[in-house]
Amino acid sequence: MNKRWIRLEDNNITHIAYLNEDTPDLLNKVNHGNWINVGDFDVPNPNYDLVQEGGSYDEENDICRPPKPFDSWIAVGNNWEAPVAPPNNDATGLEWNEAQQAWLS
């Protein structure tokens, strides 16, 4: 079964690899660093399904998040939310304006 590995620098995901091995020895030969196994690739896991290079790993909660879309956004579970809820609850047709800290149509 293919294992999903992430390489971290300061909890930021710099690389993702899929390897049918239980140890990161081969990965360290190619790209030395802090490799962590985040589950089997073939088994869905909501904690790791959003793993992306440029994203982050929250060790305390053992979850991966995609890249943070804006500096002001707040981590909620394994994703990010704006500091202000969208007026229509799902942001359909709206765009976040970081300078104004508001949703605009």
N, C-alpha and C. Protein backbone atom coordinates (compact mmCIF):
# COMPACT_ATOMS: atom_id res chain seq x y z
N MET A 1 0.84 -1.17 0.00
CA MET A 1 0.00 0.00 0.00
C MET A 1 0.89 1.24 0.00
N ASN A 2 0.58 2.21 -0.85
CA ASN A 2 1.37 3.43 -0.93
C ASN A 2 1.14 4.31 0.29
N LYS A 3 2.24 4.72 0.87
CA LYS A 3 2.21 5.64 2.01
C LYS A 3 2.39 7.06 1.50
N ARG A 4 1.70 7.99 2.12
CA ARG A 4 1.84 9.41 1.79
C ARG A 4 2.80 10.03 2.81
N TRP A 5 3.85 10.66 2.31
CA TRP A 5 4.86 11.28 3.15
C TRP A 5 4.90 12.77 2.84
N ILE A 6 5.13 13.58 3.87
CA ILE A 6 5.32 15.01 3.66
C ILE A 6 6.66 15.41 4.27
N ARG A 7 7.32 16.33 3.60
CA ARG A 7 8.58 16.87 4.12
C ARG A 7 8.27 18.25 4.68
N LEU A 8 8.71 18.47 5.92
CA LEU A 8 8.39 19.71 6.62
C LEU A 8 9.61 20.57 6.87
N GLU A 9 9.39 21.87 6.77
CA GLU A 9 10.33 22.87 7.26
C GLU A 9 9.50 23.85 8.07
N ASP A 10 9.70 23.87 9.37
CA ASP A 10 8.92 24.73 10.28
C ASP A 10 7.42 24.50 10.11
N ASN A 11 7.01 23.26 10.02
CA ASN A 11 5.62 22.83 9.86
C ASN A 11 4.99 23.25 8.53
N ASN A 12 5.80 23.75 7.59
CA ASN A 12 5.33 24.03 6.25
C ASN A 12 5.66 22.84 5.35
N ILE A 13 4.71 22.43 4.54
CA ILE A 13 4.90 21.27 3.67
C ILE A 13 5.66 21.71 2.42
N THR A 14 6.88 21.17 2.28
CA THR A 14 7.71 21.55 1.14
C THR A 14 7.69 20.51 0.03
N HIS A 15 7.41 19.26 0.36
CA HIS A 15 7.36 18.19 -0.62
C HIS A 15 6.34 17.14 -0.18
N ILE A 16 5.78 16.45 -1.16
CA ILE A 16 4.89 15.32 -0.90
C ILE A 16 5.43 14.15 -1.71
N ALA A 17 5.46 12.99 -1.11
CA ALA A 17 5.95 11.80 -1.82
C ALA A 17 5.04 10.63 -1.48
N TYR A 18 4.97 9.70 -2.42
CA TYR A 18 4.19 8.48 -2.24
C TYR A 18 5.16 7.32 -2.42
N LEU A 19 5.23 6.50 -1.41
CA LEU A 19 6.24 5.45 -1.39
C LEU A 19 5.65 4.22 -0.74
N ASN A 20 5.92 3.08 -1.33
CA ASN A 20 5.43 1.83 -0.79
C ASN A 20 6.41 1.29 0.25
N GLU A 21 6.72 2.12 1.21
CA GLU A 21 7.67 1.76 2.27
C GLU A 21 7.17 2.35 3.58
N ASP A 22 7.62 1.76 4.67
CA ASP A 22 7.23 2.25 5.99
C ASP A 22 8.26 3.18 6.61
N THR A 23 9.38 3.38 5.95
CA THR A 23 10.41 4.26 6.50
C THR A 23 10.81 5.30 5.47
N PRO A 24 11.24 6.47 5.91
CA PRO A 24 11.63 7.53 4.98
C PRO A 24 13.08 7.45 4.52
N ASP A 25 13.76 6.30 4.73
CA ASP A 25 15.19 6.21 4.39
C ASP A 25 15.46 6.56 2.93
N LEU A 26 14.67 6.01 2.01
CA LEU A 26 14.86 6.30 0.59
C LEU A 26 14.60 7.78 0.31
N LEU A 27 13.58 8.34 0.93
CA LEU A 27 13.27 9.76 0.74
C LEU A 27 14.42 10.63 1.21
N ASN A 28 15.03 10.28 2.32
CA ASN A 28 16.15 11.06 2.86
C ASN A 28 17.38 10.97 1.96
N LYS A 29 17.53 9.89 1.21
CA LYS A 29 18.65 9.79 0.27
C LYS A 29 18.46 10.75 -0.89
N VAL A 30 17.22 10.97 -1.28
CA VAL A 30 16.92 11.84 -2.41
C VAL A 30 16.78 13.29 -1.97
N ASN A 31 16.11 13.50 -0.85
CA ASN A 31 15.83 14.86 -0.37
C ASN A 31 15.82 14.83 1.15
N HIS A 32 16.97 15.03 1.73
CA HIS A 32 17.12 14.93 3.19
C HIS A 32 16.24 15.97 3.89
N GLY A 33 15.62 15.53 4.97
CA GLY A 33 14.79 16.46 5.73
C GLY A 33 13.91 15.74 6.72
N ASN A 34 12.95 16.45 7.24
CA ASN A 34 12.02 15.94 8.22
C ASN A 34 10.80 15.37 7.51
N TRP A 35 10.79 14.08 7.21
CA TRP A 35 9.68 13.41 6.52
C TRP A 35 8.75 12.77 7.55
N ILE A 36 7.45 12.97 7.36
CA ILE A 36 6.44 12.39 8.25
C ILE A 36 5.44 11.61 7.41
N ASN A 37 5.10 10.43 7.88
CA ASN A 37 4.06 9.64 7.20
C ASN A 37 2.70 10.16 7.62
N VAL A 38 1.88 10.50 6.64
CA VAL A 38 0.52 10.96 6.94
C VAL A 38 -0.50 10.02 6.32
N GLY A 39 -0.28 8.75 6.53
CA GLY A 39 -1.28 7.76 6.17
C GLY A 39 -1.11 7.13 4.81
N ASP A 40 -1.99 6.18 4.55
CA ASP A 40 -1.99 5.46 3.29
C ASP A 40 -2.69 6.31 2.23
N PHE A 41 -2.08 6.38 1.06
CA PHE A 41 -2.64 7.17 -0.03
C PHE A 41 -3.99 6.63 -0.47
N ASP A 42 -4.16 5.32 -0.43
CA ASP A 42 -5.37 4.68 -0.93
C ASP A 42 -6.53 4.71 0.06
N VAL A 43 -6.29 5.19 1.28
CA VAL A 43 -7.33 5.20 2.31
C VAL A 43 -7.70 6.66 2.61
N PRO A 44 -8.93 7.07 2.30
CA PRO A 44 -9.32 8.45 2.59
C PRO A 44 -9.18 8.77 4.08
N ASN A 45 -8.67 9.96 4.35
CA ASN A 45 -8.52 10.42 5.72
C ASN A 45 -8.71 11.93 5.71
N PRO A 46 -9.79 12.43 6.27
CA PRO A 46 -10.05 13.88 6.21
C PRO A 46 -8.94 14.72 6.85
N ASN A 47 -8.14 14.15 7.72
CA ASN A 47 -7.04 14.90 8.32
C ASN A 47 -5.94 15.22 7.32
N TYR A 48 -5.83 14.40 6.27
CA TYR A 48 -4.72 14.55 5.33
C TYR A 48 -5.18 14.77 3.89
N ASP A 49 -6.46 14.74 3.62
CA ASP A 49 -6.94 14.85 2.24
C ASP A 49 -6.64 16.20 1.61
N LEU A 50 -6.39 17.24 2.39
CA LEU A 50 -6.11 18.57 1.86
C LEU A 50 -4.61 18.87 1.78
N VAL A 51 -3.78 17.84 1.90
CA VAL A 51 -2.34 18.04 1.87
C VAL A 51 -1.91 18.62 0.52
N GLN A 52 -1.12 19.69 0.58
CA GLN A 52 -0.58 20.34 -0.61
C GLN A 52 0.78 20.93 -0.28
N GLU A 53 1.67 20.97 -1.26
CA GLU A 53 2.91 21.70 -1.07
C GLU A 53 2.54 23.16 -0.84
N GLY A 54 3.20 23.78 0.09
CA GLY A 54 2.88 25.16 0.45
C GLY A 54 1.87 25.23 1.59
N GLY A 55 1.26 24.09 1.91
CA GLY A 55 0.33 24.02 3.02
C GLY A 55 1.08 23.86 4.32
N SER A 56 0.37 23.49 5.37
CA SER A 56 1.01 23.35 6.67
C SER A 56 0.53 22.09 7.37
N TYR A 57 1.32 21.66 8.33
CA TYR A 57 1.00 20.50 9.15
C TYR A 57 0.87 20.97 10.59
N ASP A 58 -0.26 20.64 11.20
CA ASP A 58 -0.53 20.98 12.58
C ASP A 58 -0.25 19.73 13.41
N GLU A 59 0.93 19.68 14.03
CA GLU A 59 1.35 18.49 14.76
C GLU A 59 0.44 18.21 15.96
N GLU A 60 0.02 19.25 16.66
CA GLU A 60 -0.82 19.08 17.85
C GLU A 60 -2.13 18.37 17.51
N ASN A 61 -2.73 18.73 16.38
CA ASN A 61 -4.01 18.12 15.97
C ASN A 61 -3.85 17.04 14.91
N ASP A 62 -2.61 16.81 14.46
CA ASP A 62 -2.29 15.80 13.45
C ASP A 62 -3.15 15.97 12.19
N ILE A 63 -3.12 17.18 11.63
CA ILE A 63 -3.87 17.46 10.42
C ILE A 63 -3.04 18.31 9.45
N CYS A 64 -3.36 18.19 8.17
CA CYS A 64 -2.74 19.02 7.14
C CYS A 64 -3.76 20.05 6.67
N ARG A 65 -3.26 21.24 6.38
CA ARG A 65 -4.11 22.30 5.84
C ARG A 65 -3.53 22.75 4.51
N PRO A 66 -4.38 23.20 3.58
CA PRO A 66 -3.87 23.76 2.33
C PRO A 66 -3.19 25.10 2.63
N PRO A 67 -2.55 25.71 1.63
CA PRO A 67 -1.94 27.02 1.87
C PRO A 67 -2.96 28.02 2.39
N LYS A 68 -2.51 28.87 3.29
CA LYS A 68 -3.37 29.91 3.86
C LYS A 68 -3.69 30.94 2.77
N PRO A 69 -4.97 31.16 2.48
CA PRO A 69 -5.32 32.06 1.38
C PRO A 69 -5.02 33.53 1.65
N PHE A 70 -5.17 33.97 2.90
CA PHE A 70 -4.92 35.36 3.27
C PHE A 70 -4.34 35.39 4.68
N ASP A 71 -3.53 36.39 4.96
CA ASP A 71 -2.89 36.49 6.28
C ASP A 71 -3.89 36.54 7.43
N SER A 72 -5.04 37.14 7.22
CA SER A 72 -6.00 37.32 8.31
C SER A 72 -6.85 36.08 8.59
N TRP A 73 -6.81 35.09 7.69
CA TRP A 73 -7.69 33.94 7.86
C TRP A 73 -7.23 33.07 9.03
N ILE A 74 -8.18 32.37 9.63
CA ILE A 74 -7.99 31.63 10.87
C ILE A 74 -8.12 30.13 10.61
N ALA A 75 -7.24 29.35 11.22
CA ALA A 75 -7.31 27.90 11.09
C ALA A 75 -8.53 27.37 11.83
N VAL A 76 -9.33 26.59 11.12
CA VAL A 76 -10.50 25.93 11.70
C VAL A 76 -10.47 24.49 11.19
N GLY A 77 -10.18 23.57 12.10
CA GLY A 77 -10.05 22.19 11.65
C GLY A 77 -8.91 22.07 10.67
N ASN A 78 -9.16 21.41 9.54
CA ASN A 78 -8.09 21.25 8.56
C ASN A 78 -8.21 22.24 7.41
N ASN A 79 -8.86 23.37 7.63
CA ASN A 79 -8.99 24.37 6.59
C ASN A 79 -8.88 25.77 7.19
N TRP A 80 -9.18 26.79 6.41
CA TRP A 80 -9.07 28.19 6.82
C TRP A 80 -10.41 28.88 6.64
N GLU A 81 -10.70 29.83 7.52
CA GLU A 81 -11.93 30.62 7.41
C GLU A 81 -11.58 32.10 7.55
N ALA A 82 -12.36 32.91 6.84
CA ALA A 82 -12.19 34.36 6.94
C ALA A 82 -12.55 34.81 8.36
N PRO A 83 -11.97 35.92 8.81
CA PRO A 83 -12.30 36.42 10.14
C PRO A 83 -13.71 36.99 10.23
N VAL A 84 -14.35 37.19 9.08
CA VAL A 84 -15.73 37.68 9.01
C VAL A 84 -16.53 36.68 8.18
N ALA A 85 -17.62 36.21 8.71
CA ALA A 85 -18.44 35.24 7.98
C ALA A 85 -19.06 35.91 6.75
N PRO A 86 -19.15 35.18 5.63
CA PRO A 86 -19.79 35.76 4.45
C PRO A 86 -21.28 35.99 4.71
N PRO A 87 -21.85 37.04 4.13
CA PRO A 87 -23.26 37.35 4.41
C PRO A 87 -24.23 36.29 3.89
N ASN A 88 -23.83 35.50 2.92
CA ASN A 88 -24.72 34.47 2.39
C ASN A 88 -24.31 33.07 2.82
N ASN A 89 -23.49 32.96 3.84
CA ASN A 89 -23.07 31.71 4.48
C ASN A 89 -22.16 30.80 3.66
N ASP A 90 -22.03 31.01 2.35
CA ASP A 90 -21.13 30.14 1.61
C ASP A 90 -20.20 30.89 0.65
N ALA A 91 -20.25 32.20 0.66
CA ALA A 91 -19.38 33.08 -0.14
C ALA A 91 -19.61 32.96 -1.64
N THR A 92 -20.70 32.33 -2.06
CA THR A 92 -21.00 32.22 -3.49
C THR A 92 -21.15 33.61 -4.09
N GLY A 93 -20.40 33.88 -5.16
CA GLY A 93 -20.47 35.17 -5.83
C GLY A 93 -19.75 36.29 -5.11
N LEU A 94 -19.04 35.97 -4.04
CA LEU A 94 -18.33 36.99 -3.27
C LEU A 94 -16.82 36.77 -3.37
N GLU A 95 -16.09 37.82 -3.09
CA GLU A 95 -14.64 37.75 -3.08
C GLU A 95 -14.14 38.42 -1.82
N TRP A 96 -13.15 37.80 -1.18
CA TRP A 96 -12.58 38.36 0.03
C TRP A 96 -11.62 39.49 -0.32
N ASN A 97 -11.77 40.64 0.34
CA ASN A 97 -10.87 41.77 0.18
C ASN A 97 -10.06 41.89 1.46
N GLU A 98 -8.80 41.53 1.37
CA GLU A 98 -7.94 41.50 2.55
C GLU A 98 -7.73 42.91 3.13
N ALA A 99 -7.57 43.90 2.27
CA ALA A 99 -7.32 45.27 2.75
C ALA A 99 -8.51 45.82 3.55
N GLN A 100 -9.71 45.50 3.08
CA GLN A 100 -10.91 46.00 3.75
C GLN A 100 -11.45 45.03 4.81
N GLN A 101 -10.88 43.84 4.84
CA GLN A 101 -11.35 42.79 5.76
C GLN A 101 -12.85 42.59 5.59
N ALA A 102 -13.27 42.43 4.33
CA ALA A 102 -14.70 42.31 4.06
C ALA A 102 -14.93 41.49 2.78
N TRP A 103 -16.14 40.94 2.70
CA TRP A 103 -16.58 40.23 1.49
C TRP A 103 -17.18 41.25 0.52
N LEU A 104 -16.76 41.18 -0.72
CA LEU A 104 -17.28 42.09 -1.75
C LEU A 104 -17.87 41.28 -2.89
N SER A 105 -18.88 41.85 -3.54
CA SER A 105 -19.50 41.15 -4.68
C SER A 105 -18.91 41.62 -5.98
